[in-house]
N, C-alpha and C. Protein backbone atom coordinates (compact mmCIF):
# COMPACT_ATOMS: atom_id res chain seq x y z
N MET A 1 128.38 -3.45 138.49
CA MET A 1 128.39 -4.85 138.17
C MET A 1 129.32 -5.06 136.98
N ALA A 2 130.15 -6.06 137.05
CA ALA A 2 131.13 -6.33 135.99
C ALA A 2 130.45 -6.91 134.77
N LYS A 3 130.93 -6.51 133.59
CA LYS A 3 130.40 -7.02 132.33
C LYS A 3 131.06 -8.36 132.04
N LYS A 4 130.29 -9.36 131.62
CA LYS A 4 130.83 -10.67 131.28
C LYS A 4 131.59 -10.57 129.95
N LEU A 5 132.79 -11.07 129.94
CA LEU A 5 133.61 -11.04 128.74
C LEU A 5 133.24 -12.17 127.80
N SER A 6 133.47 -11.95 126.53
CA SER A 6 133.26 -12.98 125.52
C SER A 6 134.24 -14.13 125.76
N ASN A 7 133.89 -15.31 125.29
CA ASN A 7 134.78 -16.46 125.41
C ASN A 7 135.74 -16.58 124.23
N TYR A 8 135.78 -15.58 123.37
CA TYR A 8 136.61 -15.63 122.18
C TYR A 8 137.90 -14.86 122.37
N SER A 9 138.69 -14.82 121.32
CA SER A 9 140.01 -14.22 121.41
C SER A 9 139.99 -12.69 121.46
N GLU A 10 138.88 -12.04 121.14
CA GLU A 10 138.85 -10.58 121.17
C GLU A 10 139.27 -10.00 122.52
N PRO A 11 138.78 -10.57 123.66
CA PRO A 11 139.22 -10.01 124.94
C PRO A 11 140.74 -10.11 125.12
N ILE A 12 141.33 -11.19 124.62
CA ILE A 12 142.77 -11.35 124.74
C ILE A 12 143.47 -10.26 123.95
N ARG A 13 143.02 -10.02 122.71
CA ARG A 13 143.63 -9.00 121.87
C ARG A 13 143.50 -7.62 122.49
N LEU A 14 142.43 -7.39 123.21
CA LEU A 14 142.19 -6.08 123.80
C LEU A 14 142.83 -5.96 125.18
N GLY A 15 143.53 -7.00 125.63
CA GLY A 15 144.20 -6.95 126.92
C GLY A 15 143.27 -7.13 128.10
N ALA A 16 142.11 -7.72 127.87
CA ALA A 16 141.15 -7.92 128.95
C ALA A 16 141.60 -9.04 129.88
N VAL A 17 141.12 -9.00 131.10
CA VAL A 17 141.41 -10.05 132.06
C VAL A 17 140.45 -11.20 131.78
N ILE A 18 140.98 -12.41 131.78
CA ILE A 18 140.16 -13.59 131.52
C ILE A 18 140.18 -14.49 132.74
N ASP A 19 139.04 -15.07 133.06
CA ASP A 19 138.92 -15.96 134.20
C ASP A 19 139.89 -17.12 134.05
N ALA A 20 140.70 -17.37 135.07
CA ALA A 20 141.70 -18.44 135.02
C ALA A 20 141.06 -19.81 134.88
N LYS A 21 139.78 -19.94 135.22
CA LYS A 21 139.10 -21.23 135.13
C LYS A 21 138.54 -21.49 133.72
N MET A 22 138.62 -20.49 132.84
CA MET A 22 138.07 -20.62 131.50
C MET A 22 138.90 -21.65 130.71
N PRO A 23 138.27 -22.67 130.14
CA PRO A 23 139.04 -23.67 129.38
C PRO A 23 139.66 -23.06 128.13
N ILE A 24 140.83 -23.55 127.79
CA ILE A 24 141.55 -23.04 126.62
C ILE A 24 140.72 -23.19 125.36
N SER A 25 139.97 -24.28 125.24
CA SER A 25 139.18 -24.51 124.02
C SER A 25 138.16 -23.40 123.78
N SER A 26 137.74 -22.71 124.83
CA SER A 26 136.76 -21.64 124.64
C SER A 26 137.41 -20.34 124.15
N LEU A 27 138.73 -20.30 124.05
CA LEU A 27 139.43 -19.10 123.61
C LEU A 27 139.68 -19.10 122.11
N ARG A 28 139.26 -20.14 121.40
CA ARG A 28 139.44 -20.20 119.95
C ARG A 28 138.54 -19.19 119.26
N ALA A 29 139.01 -18.69 118.15
CA ALA A 29 138.22 -17.73 117.37
C ALA A 29 136.94 -18.40 116.88
N PRO A 30 135.83 -17.67 116.89
CA PRO A 30 134.56 -18.24 116.41
C PRO A 30 134.60 -18.46 114.90
N LEU A 31 133.73 -19.35 114.40
CA LEU A 31 133.62 -19.53 112.96
C LEU A 31 133.23 -18.20 112.33
N SER A 32 133.65 -17.99 111.13
CA SER A 32 133.44 -16.75 110.39
C SER A 32 134.25 -15.59 110.95
N TYR A 33 135.16 -15.87 111.86
CA TYR A 33 136.05 -14.86 112.40
C TYR A 33 137.10 -14.53 111.34
N TYR A 34 137.48 -13.26 111.24
CA TYR A 34 138.47 -12.84 110.25
C TYR A 34 139.77 -12.42 110.91
N GLU A 35 140.88 -12.76 110.29
CA GLU A 35 142.20 -12.30 110.70
C GLU A 35 142.77 -11.49 109.55
N TYR A 36 143.48 -10.42 109.86
CA TYR A 36 144.09 -9.55 108.85
C TYR A 36 145.60 -9.55 109.07
N ILE A 37 146.33 -9.85 108.01
CA ILE A 37 147.79 -9.89 108.07
C ILE A 37 148.32 -8.87 107.07
N SER A 38 149.11 -7.92 107.55
CA SER A 38 149.70 -6.93 106.65
C SER A 38 151.19 -7.17 106.54
N VAL A 39 151.68 -7.09 105.30
CA VAL A 39 153.10 -7.34 105.03
C VAL A 39 153.64 -6.18 104.20
N PRO A 40 154.70 -5.52 104.67
CA PRO A 40 155.29 -4.44 103.87
C PRO A 40 156.17 -5.02 102.76
N LEU A 41 156.17 -4.37 101.60
CA LEU A 41 157.05 -4.76 100.48
C LEU A 41 157.82 -3.52 100.03
N SER A 42 158.96 -3.75 99.40
CA SER A 42 159.77 -2.65 98.88
C SER A 42 160.44 -3.09 97.58
N ALA A 43 161.24 -2.22 97.01
CA ALA A 43 161.94 -2.52 95.75
C ALA A 43 162.89 -3.71 95.90
N THR A 44 163.32 -4.02 97.11
CA THR A 44 164.25 -5.14 97.32
C THR A 44 163.55 -6.42 97.78
N SER A 45 162.23 -6.40 97.84
CA SER A 45 161.49 -7.58 98.31
C SER A 45 161.61 -8.74 97.32
N THR A 46 161.67 -9.94 97.89
CA THR A 46 161.64 -11.18 97.10
C THR A 46 160.52 -12.04 97.67
N SER A 47 160.24 -13.15 97.02
CA SER A 47 159.19 -14.06 97.51
C SER A 47 159.48 -14.44 98.96
N LEU A 48 158.42 -14.53 99.77
CA LEU A 48 158.62 -14.77 101.20
C LEU A 48 157.42 -15.46 101.82
N THR A 49 157.65 -16.02 103.01
CA THR A 49 156.56 -16.59 103.81
C THR A 49 156.00 -15.48 104.68
N ALA A 50 154.70 -15.21 104.54
CA ALA A 50 154.06 -14.13 105.28
C ALA A 50 153.40 -14.62 106.56
N TYR A 51 153.06 -15.93 106.62
CA TYR A 51 152.30 -16.44 107.76
C TYR A 51 152.49 -17.95 107.85
N VAL A 52 152.66 -18.44 109.07
CA VAL A 52 152.69 -19.89 109.33
C VAL A 52 151.57 -20.19 110.31
N SER A 53 150.69 -21.10 109.95
CA SER A 53 149.54 -21.42 110.79
C SER A 53 150.00 -22.19 112.03
N PRO A 54 149.59 -21.72 113.22
CA PRO A 54 150.01 -22.39 114.46
C PRO A 54 149.26 -23.70 114.67
N ASN A 55 149.72 -24.46 115.64
CA ASN A 55 149.09 -25.73 115.98
C ASN A 55 147.95 -25.46 116.96
N ASP A 56 146.84 -24.89 116.45
CA ASP A 56 145.73 -24.52 117.32
C ASP A 56 144.41 -25.19 116.94
N SER A 57 144.46 -26.17 116.06
CA SER A 57 143.29 -26.93 115.62
C SER A 57 142.28 -26.12 114.82
N CYS A 58 142.62 -24.90 114.45
CA CYS A 58 141.74 -24.08 113.61
C CYS A 58 142.17 -24.21 112.16
N THR A 59 141.22 -24.10 111.25
CA THR A 59 141.55 -24.06 109.82
C THR A 59 141.01 -22.76 109.25
N TRP A 60 141.72 -22.24 108.26
CA TRP A 60 141.44 -20.94 107.69
C TRP A 60 141.46 -21.00 106.18
N GLN A 61 140.90 -20.00 105.53
CA GLN A 61 141.00 -19.83 104.07
C GLN A 61 141.27 -18.36 103.79
N ILE A 62 141.98 -18.11 102.70
CA ILE A 62 142.18 -16.73 102.25
C ILE A 62 140.90 -16.28 101.56
N VAL A 63 140.36 -15.15 101.98
CA VAL A 63 139.14 -14.62 101.37
C VAL A 63 139.35 -13.25 100.75
N GLY A 64 140.54 -12.69 100.92
CA GLY A 64 140.81 -11.39 100.32
C GLY A 64 142.29 -11.06 100.32
N VAL A 65 142.72 -10.33 99.28
CA VAL A 65 144.09 -9.85 99.17
C VAL A 65 144.04 -8.45 98.58
N SER A 66 144.67 -7.50 99.25
CA SER A 66 144.71 -6.12 98.76
C SER A 66 146.13 -5.59 98.86
N SER A 67 146.48 -4.70 97.94
CA SER A 67 147.79 -4.05 98.01
C SER A 67 147.62 -2.57 97.71
N ARG A 68 148.56 -1.81 98.22
CA ARG A 68 148.57 -0.35 97.99
C ARG A 68 150.02 0.11 98.12
N PHE A 69 150.44 1.01 97.26
CA PHE A 69 151.82 1.50 97.30
C PHE A 69 151.86 2.99 97.01
N GLY A 70 152.91 3.62 97.50
CA GLY A 70 153.11 5.04 97.26
C GLY A 70 153.85 5.31 95.97
N THR A 71 154.80 4.45 95.63
CA THR A 71 155.56 4.55 94.39
C THR A 71 155.51 3.19 93.70
N ALA A 72 155.07 3.16 92.45
CA ALA A 72 154.90 1.91 91.71
C ALA A 72 156.24 1.27 91.36
N SER A 73 156.22 -0.05 91.20
CA SER A 73 157.39 -0.77 90.68
C SER A 73 157.41 -0.62 89.16
N THR A 74 158.47 -1.08 88.55
CA THR A 74 158.56 -1.04 87.10
C THR A 74 157.56 -2.00 86.46
N SER A 75 157.55 -3.25 86.92
CA SER A 75 156.62 -4.24 86.38
C SER A 75 156.37 -5.37 87.38
N GLY A 76 156.44 -5.09 88.67
CA GLY A 76 156.28 -6.12 89.69
C GLY A 76 154.87 -6.67 89.78
N THR A 77 154.79 -7.94 90.15
CA THR A 77 153.50 -8.59 90.36
C THR A 77 153.53 -9.40 91.65
N LEU A 78 152.35 -9.71 92.15
CA LEU A 78 152.20 -10.45 93.39
C LEU A 78 151.21 -11.58 93.19
N GLN A 79 151.57 -12.76 93.67
CA GLN A 79 150.67 -13.91 93.74
C GLN A 79 150.73 -14.41 95.17
N VAL A 80 149.66 -14.98 95.67
CA VAL A 80 149.61 -15.53 97.02
C VAL A 80 149.39 -17.03 96.90
N GLU A 81 150.18 -17.79 97.65
CA GLU A 81 150.04 -19.25 97.61
C GLU A 81 149.96 -19.82 99.02
N VAL A 82 149.37 -21.00 99.11
CA VAL A 82 149.36 -21.77 100.35
C VAL A 82 150.23 -22.99 100.13
N ALA A 83 151.13 -23.23 101.09
CA ALA A 83 152.05 -24.38 100.98
C ALA A 83 152.01 -25.18 102.28
N GLY A 84 151.83 -26.47 102.15
CA GLY A 84 151.83 -27.34 103.32
C GLY A 84 153.25 -27.52 103.85
N ALA A 85 153.37 -28.22 104.96
CA ALA A 85 154.69 -28.48 105.55
C ALA A 85 155.59 -29.17 104.54
N GLY A 86 156.83 -28.72 104.45
CA GLY A 86 157.80 -29.33 103.56
C GLY A 86 157.74 -28.83 102.12
N ILE A 87 156.85 -27.90 101.82
CA ILE A 87 156.72 -27.36 100.47
C ILE A 87 157.43 -26.00 100.41
N ALA A 88 158.32 -25.85 99.45
CA ALA A 88 159.12 -24.63 99.33
C ALA A 88 158.29 -23.45 98.82
N VAL A 89 158.76 -22.24 99.15
CA VAL A 89 158.16 -21.01 98.63
C VAL A 89 158.21 -21.07 97.10
N GLY A 90 157.08 -20.83 96.46
CA GLY A 90 157.00 -20.89 95.01
C GLY A 90 156.47 -22.21 94.48
N SER A 91 156.27 -23.18 95.38
CA SER A 91 155.80 -24.51 94.96
C SER A 91 154.44 -24.86 95.54
N GLY A 92 153.76 -23.91 96.14
CA GLY A 92 152.45 -24.16 96.74
C GLY A 92 151.33 -23.99 95.74
N THR A 93 150.11 -23.86 96.24
CA THR A 93 148.92 -23.71 95.42
C THR A 93 148.51 -22.23 95.37
N ASN A 94 148.48 -21.67 94.16
CA ASN A 94 148.08 -20.26 94.00
C ASN A 94 146.66 -20.05 94.50
N GLN A 95 146.44 -18.92 95.19
CA GLN A 95 145.14 -18.61 95.75
C GLN A 95 144.42 -17.50 95.01
N LEU A 96 145.08 -16.91 94.03
CA LEU A 96 144.46 -15.85 93.22
C LEU A 96 144.30 -16.33 91.79
N THR A 97 143.26 -15.85 91.12
CA THR A 97 143.02 -16.25 89.73
C THR A 97 144.08 -15.68 88.79
N GLY A 98 144.74 -14.62 89.19
CA GLY A 98 145.82 -14.00 88.43
C GLY A 98 146.67 -13.20 89.40
N THR A 99 147.68 -12.53 88.90
CA THR A 99 148.54 -11.75 89.78
C THR A 99 147.96 -10.37 90.04
N VAL A 100 148.45 -9.74 91.09
CA VAL A 100 148.10 -8.36 91.41
C VAL A 100 149.28 -7.50 90.96
N ALA A 101 149.00 -6.50 90.14
CA ALA A 101 150.07 -5.62 89.64
C ALA A 101 150.54 -4.69 90.75
N LEU A 102 151.86 -4.57 90.86
CA LEU A 102 152.46 -3.63 91.80
C LEU A 102 153.04 -2.45 91.03
N SER A 103 152.53 -2.27 89.80
CA SER A 103 153.04 -1.21 88.93
C SER A 103 151.93 -0.30 88.42
N GLY A 104 150.82 -0.28 89.07
CA GLY A 104 149.69 0.54 88.64
C GLY A 104 149.76 1.96 89.18
N THR A 105 148.61 2.55 89.39
CA THR A 105 148.51 3.92 89.88
C THR A 105 148.83 3.98 91.36
N ALA A 106 149.73 4.88 91.73
CA ALA A 106 150.13 5.03 93.13
C ALA A 106 148.95 5.44 94.01
N ASN A 107 149.01 5.03 95.26
CA ASN A 107 148.01 5.38 96.28
C ASN A 107 146.59 4.94 95.92
N THR A 108 146.51 3.81 95.21
CA THR A 108 145.23 3.21 94.83
C THR A 108 145.26 1.76 95.28
N THR A 109 144.20 1.31 95.93
CA THR A 109 144.13 -0.07 96.39
C THR A 109 143.82 -1.00 95.23
N ALA A 110 144.62 -2.07 95.10
CA ALA A 110 144.38 -3.11 94.09
C ALA A 110 144.00 -4.38 94.83
N ASN A 111 142.88 -4.98 94.44
CA ASN A 111 142.39 -6.20 95.09
C ASN A 111 142.59 -7.39 94.17
N GLY A 112 143.10 -8.48 94.75
CA GLY A 112 143.23 -9.72 94.00
C GLY A 112 141.91 -10.47 94.00
N THR A 113 141.72 -11.34 93.01
CA THR A 113 140.51 -12.17 92.93
C THR A 113 140.87 -13.57 93.43
N VAL A 114 140.25 -13.98 94.54
CA VAL A 114 140.53 -15.27 95.15
C VAL A 114 139.89 -16.38 94.32
N ILE A 115 140.58 -17.52 94.19
CA ILE A 115 140.06 -18.66 93.43
C ILE A 115 138.74 -19.14 94.04
N ALA A 116 137.95 -19.86 93.26
CA ALA A 116 136.61 -20.30 93.68
C ALA A 116 136.65 -21.21 94.91
N SER A 117 137.64 -22.07 95.01
CA SER A 117 137.77 -22.99 96.15
C SER A 117 139.13 -22.82 96.80
N PRO A 118 139.27 -21.82 97.68
CA PRO A 118 140.58 -21.59 98.31
C PRO A 118 141.05 -22.79 99.12
N THR A 119 142.35 -22.99 99.15
CA THR A 119 142.96 -24.08 99.90
C THR A 119 142.76 -23.86 101.39
N THR A 120 142.44 -24.92 102.12
CA THR A 120 142.30 -24.83 103.57
C THR A 120 143.69 -24.76 104.19
N ILE A 121 143.85 -23.82 105.10
CA ILE A 121 145.13 -23.61 105.78
C ILE A 121 145.01 -24.23 107.16
N SER A 122 145.80 -25.27 107.40
CA SER A 122 145.74 -25.95 108.69
C SER A 122 147.10 -25.83 109.38
N SER A 123 147.22 -26.42 110.55
CA SER A 123 148.45 -26.32 111.34
C SER A 123 149.68 -26.65 110.50
N GLY A 124 150.67 -25.78 110.54
CA GLY A 124 151.93 -25.99 109.84
C GLY A 124 151.95 -25.50 108.41
N SER A 125 150.78 -25.16 107.85
CA SER A 125 150.75 -24.63 106.48
C SER A 125 151.25 -23.19 106.48
N ALA A 126 151.75 -22.76 105.34
CA ALA A 126 152.27 -21.40 105.23
C ALA A 126 151.55 -20.65 104.12
N ILE A 127 151.47 -19.33 104.28
CA ILE A 127 150.99 -18.45 103.22
C ILE A 127 152.22 -17.72 102.70
N ASN A 128 152.48 -17.86 101.42
CA ASN A 128 153.65 -17.24 100.80
C ASN A 128 153.23 -16.15 99.83
N LEU A 129 154.01 -15.10 99.77
CA LEU A 129 153.83 -14.05 98.76
C LEU A 129 154.88 -14.30 97.69
N ILE A 130 154.42 -14.47 96.45
CA ILE A 130 155.32 -14.74 95.33
C ILE A 130 155.48 -13.45 94.54
N ILE A 131 156.68 -12.93 94.52
CA ILE A 131 157.00 -11.68 93.85
C ILE A 131 157.65 -12.01 92.51
N ALA A 132 157.19 -11.35 91.46
CA ALA A 132 157.77 -11.55 90.13
C ALA A 132 157.89 -10.20 89.43
N GLY A 133 158.56 -10.18 88.30
CA GLY A 133 158.73 -8.94 87.55
C GLY A 133 159.84 -8.09 88.13
N THR A 134 159.87 -6.85 87.74
CA THR A 134 160.90 -5.91 88.18
C THR A 134 160.33 -5.02 89.27
N MET A 135 160.90 -5.11 90.45
CA MET A 135 160.39 -4.39 91.62
C MET A 135 161.01 -3.00 91.77
N THR A 136 161.91 -2.61 90.87
CA THR A 136 162.61 -1.32 90.96
C THR A 136 161.62 -0.19 91.25
N SER A 137 161.96 0.66 92.18
CA SER A 137 161.22 1.87 92.58
C SER A 137 160.05 1.62 93.52
N LEU A 138 159.62 0.38 93.74
CA LEU A 138 158.47 0.14 94.63
C LEU A 138 158.77 0.69 96.02
N ALA A 139 157.86 1.50 96.54
CA ALA A 139 158.04 2.07 97.88
C ALA A 139 156.70 2.25 98.57
N ASN A 140 156.75 2.23 99.88
CA ASN A 140 155.55 2.43 100.72
C ASN A 140 154.43 1.47 100.33
N CYS A 141 154.79 0.21 100.17
CA CYS A 141 153.82 -0.80 99.75
C CYS A 141 153.40 -1.67 100.93
N SER A 142 152.13 -1.96 101.01
CA SER A 142 151.61 -2.87 102.02
C SER A 142 150.63 -3.84 101.35
N VAL A 143 150.77 -5.11 101.69
CA VAL A 143 149.85 -6.14 101.21
C VAL A 143 149.08 -6.64 102.42
N THR A 144 147.76 -6.70 102.31
CA THR A 144 146.92 -7.21 103.39
C THR A 144 146.24 -8.47 102.94
N LEU A 145 146.38 -9.52 103.76
CA LEU A 145 145.72 -10.81 103.53
C LEU A 145 144.56 -10.91 104.51
N VAL A 146 143.41 -11.34 104.02
CA VAL A 146 142.24 -11.53 104.89
C VAL A 146 141.98 -13.03 104.97
N LEU A 147 142.02 -13.57 106.20
CA LEU A 147 141.76 -14.99 106.42
C LEU A 147 140.44 -15.14 107.15
N GLN A 148 139.70 -16.18 106.79
CA GLN A 148 138.45 -16.48 107.48
C GLN A 148 138.56 -17.87 108.09
N ARG A 149 138.19 -17.97 109.36
CA ARG A 149 138.21 -19.27 110.03
C ARG A 149 137.05 -20.11 109.49
N VAL A 150 137.36 -21.36 109.12
CA VAL A 150 136.32 -22.25 108.57
C VAL A 150 136.05 -23.44 109.47
N SER A 151 136.92 -23.74 110.41
CA SER A 151 136.66 -24.79 111.40
C SER A 151 137.62 -24.64 112.56
């Protein structure tokens, strides 16, 4: 007997077959669902857009930011911001209480502290990584953003 698949996006991610009669609205991620976005950084990295929210009627918030690198930068730092449509990189709303150092101990995870009321990310909004300081020598760096669906 065939197992009934969930109505959420997990079956899609796992390559499962979905009933063609299933309405699109039932494929939305459930509330409290988490998305993880990883972005590589290097000594030549500059501020960038890491994610653009699609037009899917879902809203999200940043609930976690972590970084880890193999070789530290000289004095690099990372801030994460949310910017609505038409807002340039560097002009959005910071989502961390302070910056995350990219110059600490190698091969150690550094976690950012998310602000008390994170900005809601809706269709067309972007998540930007703001790089500052001297990035010289940074290597094997990955930044992971954790998003939680709120509606």
